[in-house]
Amino acid sequence: MTDWKTTQCLRQISSRTGQSVAVKPKWGFFGTIFNVILEQINDTKSAYNQISELVGNQIVDEKVVIDF
């Protein structure tokens, strides 16, 4: 328990003096992998939506008459 109090004390002193304090990663290894996969899924969805929109804008409905 003394070790924990020493660490806590050092963090408080460091934060008061404006020094950066090392923070334990929130999720660890598996959380990092999960976040990378989640980013890839979101990027893929975004790219698919952008491509679908571009393709949809290029296709002209046959019922629409374009006057030049």
N, C-alpha and C. Protein backbone atom coordinates (compact mmCIF):
# COMPACT_ATOMS: atom_id res chain seq x y z
N MET A 1 0.82 -1.19 0.00
CA MET A 1 0.00 0.00 0.00
C MET A 1 0.87 1.25 0.00
N THR A 2 2.03 1.18 0.55
CA THR A 2 2.93 2.32 0.57
C THR A 2 3.35 2.70 -0.84
N ASP A 3 3.54 1.71 -1.70
CA ASP A 3 3.94 1.96 -3.08
C ASP A 3 2.86 2.75 -3.82
N TRP A 4 1.60 2.39 -3.59
CA TRP A 4 0.49 3.09 -4.23
C TRP A 4 0.44 4.54 -3.78
N LYS A 5 0.62 4.77 -2.48
CA LYS A 5 0.57 6.14 -1.96
C LYS A 5 1.73 6.97 -2.48
N THR A 6 2.90 6.35 -2.63
CA THR A 6 4.05 7.05 -3.17
C THR A 6 3.78 7.48 -4.61
N THR A 7 3.22 6.56 -5.39
CA THR A 7 2.90 6.87 -6.78
C THR A 7 1.87 7.99 -6.86
N GLN A 8 0.85 7.91 -6.02
CA GLN A 8 -0.18 8.93 -6.00
C GLN A 8 0.41 10.29 -5.62
N CYS A 9 1.28 10.30 -4.65
CA CYS A 9 1.92 11.54 -4.20
C CYS A 9 2.76 12.15 -5.32
N LEU A 10 3.54 11.31 -6.00
CA LEU A 10 4.37 11.80 -7.09
C LEU A 10 3.53 12.37 -8.23
N ARG A 11 2.40 11.73 -8.51
CA ARG A 11 1.52 12.25 -9.57
C ARG A 11 0.95 13.61 -9.20
N GLN A 12 0.56 13.76 -7.95
CA GLN A 12 0.02 15.04 -7.51
C GLN A 12 1.07 16.14 -7.59
N ILE A 13 2.29 15.84 -7.17
CA ILE A 13 3.37 16.82 -7.23
C ILE A 13 3.68 17.17 -8.68
N SER A 14 3.73 16.16 -9.55
CA SER A 14 4.03 16.39 -10.96
C SER A 14 2.95 17.24 -11.62
N SER A 15 1.69 16.97 -11.30
CA SER A 15 0.62 17.75 -11.92
C SER A 15 0.61 19.18 -11.41
N ARG A 16 0.99 19.40 -10.17
CA ARG A 16 1.05 20.77 -9.63
C ARG A 16 2.17 21.58 -10.27
N THR A 17 3.28 20.93 -10.58
CA THR A 17 4.41 21.64 -11.17
C THR A 17 4.30 21.77 -12.68
N GLY A 18 3.24 21.19 -13.26
CA GLY A 18 3.03 21.33 -14.70
C GLY A 18 3.74 20.28 -15.53
N GLN A 19 4.32 19.30 -14.89
CA GLN A 19 4.99 18.24 -15.64
C GLN A 19 3.95 17.24 -16.13
N SER A 20 4.25 16.60 -17.25
CA SER A 20 3.32 15.61 -17.77
C SER A 20 3.38 14.34 -16.93
N VAL A 21 2.24 13.75 -16.75
CA VAL A 21 2.14 12.54 -15.94
C VAL A 21 1.76 11.39 -16.87
N ALA A 22 2.48 10.29 -16.79
CA ALA A 22 2.17 9.13 -17.62
C ALA A 22 0.83 8.55 -17.19
N VAL A 23 -0.01 8.30 -18.17
CA VAL A 23 -1.33 7.75 -17.90
C VAL A 23 -1.39 6.34 -18.48
N LYS A 24 -1.94 5.43 -17.72
CA LYS A 24 -2.08 4.05 -18.18
C LYS A 24 -3.06 4.02 -19.35
N PRO A 25 -2.73 3.27 -20.40
CA PRO A 25 -3.67 3.17 -21.52
C PRO A 25 -5.03 2.68 -21.05
N LYS A 26 -6.07 3.25 -21.63
CA LYS A 26 -7.42 2.96 -21.17
C LYS A 26 -7.86 1.53 -21.51
N TRP A 27 -7.54 1.07 -22.72
CA TRP A 27 -8.08 -0.20 -23.18
C TRP A 27 -7.05 -1.32 -23.27
N GLY A 28 -5.79 -1.01 -23.32
CA GLY A 28 -4.79 -2.06 -23.45
C GLY A 28 -4.69 -2.57 -24.88
N PHE A 29 -4.06 -3.70 -25.05
CA PHE A 29 -3.79 -4.26 -26.38
C PHE A 29 -5.08 -4.57 -27.13
N PHE A 30 -5.99 -5.32 -26.51
CA PHE A 30 -7.22 -5.72 -27.20
C PHE A 30 -8.12 -4.53 -27.49
N GLY A 31 -8.12 -3.56 -26.61
CA GLY A 31 -8.89 -2.34 -26.87
C GLY A 31 -8.34 -1.58 -28.06
N THR A 32 -7.01 -1.56 -28.19
CA THR A 32 -6.38 -0.90 -29.34
C THR A 32 -6.77 -1.61 -30.63
N ILE A 33 -6.70 -2.94 -30.62
CA ILE A 33 -7.09 -3.72 -31.81
C ILE A 33 -8.55 -3.46 -32.14
N PHE A 34 -9.41 -3.45 -31.13
CA PHE A 34 -10.83 -3.18 -31.35
C PHE A 34 -11.04 -1.81 -31.97
N ASN A 35 -10.34 -0.79 -31.45
CA ASN A 35 -10.48 0.56 -31.99
C ASN A 35 -9.99 0.67 -33.42
N VAL A 36 -8.91 -0.05 -33.76
CA VAL A 36 -8.41 -0.05 -35.14
C VAL A 36 -9.45 -0.68 -36.07
N ILE A 37 -10.03 -1.80 -35.65
CA ILE A 37 -11.06 -2.46 -36.47
C ILE A 37 -12.27 -1.55 -36.62
N LEU A 38 -12.67 -0.89 -35.55
CA LEU A 38 -13.81 0.03 -35.61
C LEU A 38 -13.54 1.18 -36.57
N GLU A 39 -12.33 1.74 -36.55
CA GLU A 39 -11.98 2.80 -37.49
C GLU A 39 -12.04 2.30 -38.93
N GLN A 40 -11.56 1.08 -39.17
CA GLN A 40 -11.60 0.51 -40.51
C GLN A 40 -13.04 0.33 -40.99
N ILE A 41 -13.91 -0.13 -40.11
CA ILE A 41 -15.32 -0.31 -40.47
C ILE A 41 -15.94 1.04 -40.82
N ASN A 42 -15.68 2.05 -40.00
CA ASN A 42 -16.24 3.38 -40.27
C ASN A 42 -15.69 3.97 -41.56
N ASP A 43 -14.40 3.79 -41.83
CA ASP A 43 -13.81 4.28 -43.07
C ASP A 43 -14.41 3.57 -44.28
N THR A 44 -14.63 2.25 -44.15
CA THR A 44 -15.21 1.49 -45.25
C THR A 44 -16.64 1.94 -45.52
N LYS A 45 -17.43 2.15 -44.47
CA LYS A 45 -18.80 2.64 -44.64
C LYS A 45 -18.81 3.99 -45.33
N SER A 46 -17.92 4.87 -44.89
CA SER A 46 -17.85 6.21 -45.47
C SER A 46 -17.47 6.15 -46.95
N ALA A 47 -16.47 5.34 -47.27
CA ALA A 47 -16.05 5.21 -48.67
C ALA A 47 -17.17 4.62 -49.52
N TYR A 48 -17.85 3.61 -49.01
CA TYR A 48 -18.96 2.98 -49.74
C TYR A 48 -20.06 4.00 -50.01
N ASN A 49 -20.40 4.80 -49.00
CA ASN A 49 -21.45 5.81 -49.18
C ASN A 49 -21.03 6.87 -50.20
N GLN A 50 -19.77 7.29 -50.18
CA GLN A 50 -19.30 8.29 -51.13
C GLN A 50 -19.31 7.73 -52.55
N ILE A 51 -18.86 6.50 -52.72
CA ILE A 51 -18.84 5.88 -54.05
C ILE A 51 -20.27 5.67 -54.55
N SER A 52 -21.16 5.21 -53.68
CA SER A 52 -22.56 5.01 -54.08
C SER A 52 -23.19 6.32 -54.52
N GLU A 53 -22.88 7.39 -53.81
CA GLU A 53 -23.42 8.70 -54.18
C GLU A 53 -22.88 9.15 -55.53
N LEU A 54 -21.58 8.97 -55.76
CA LEU A 54 -20.99 9.36 -57.05
C LEU A 54 -21.59 8.56 -58.20
N VAL A 55 -21.72 7.26 -58.01
CA VAL A 55 -22.29 6.41 -59.06
C VAL A 55 -23.76 6.76 -59.27
N GLY A 56 -24.48 6.99 -58.20
CA GLY A 56 -25.89 7.35 -58.32
C GLY A 56 -26.09 8.67 -59.05
N ASN A 57 -25.18 9.61 -58.87
CA ASN A 57 -25.29 10.90 -59.55
C ASN A 57 -24.94 10.78 -61.03
N GLN A 58 -24.18 9.76 -61.42
CA GLN A 58 -23.78 9.59 -62.81
C GLN A 58 -24.86 8.90 -63.64
N ILE A 59 -25.72 8.15 -63.00
CA ILE A 59 -26.77 7.42 -63.71
C ILE A 59 -27.96 8.36 -63.88
N VAL A 60 -28.39 8.52 -65.13
CA VAL A 60 -29.50 9.40 -65.42
C VAL A 60 -30.74 8.54 -65.63
N ASP A 61 -31.82 8.94 -65.00
CA ASP A 61 -33.08 8.23 -65.16
C ASP A 61 -33.58 8.42 -66.59
N GLU A 62 -34.05 7.35 -67.22
CA GLU A 62 -34.50 7.42 -68.61
C GLU A 62 -35.74 8.28 -68.77
N LYS A 63 -36.51 8.43 -67.73
CA LYS A 63 -37.73 9.22 -67.81
C LYS A 63 -37.44 10.72 -67.79
N VAL A 64 -36.26 11.10 -67.35
CA VAL A 64 -35.90 12.50 -67.28
C VAL A 64 -35.42 12.95 -68.65
N VAL A 65 -36.00 14.02 -69.16
CA VAL A 65 -35.62 14.56 -70.46
C VAL A 65 -34.68 15.73 -70.23
N ILE A 66 -33.52 15.67 -70.88
CA ILE A 66 -32.55 16.74 -70.75
C ILE A 66 -32.61 17.59 -72.01
N ASP A 67 -32.90 18.87 -71.85
CA ASP A 67 -32.94 19.79 -72.99
C ASP A 67 -31.63 20.55 -73.07
N PHE A 68 -31.06 20.57 -74.28
CA PHE A 68 -29.84 21.33 -74.50
C PHE A 68 -30.12 22.51 -75.37
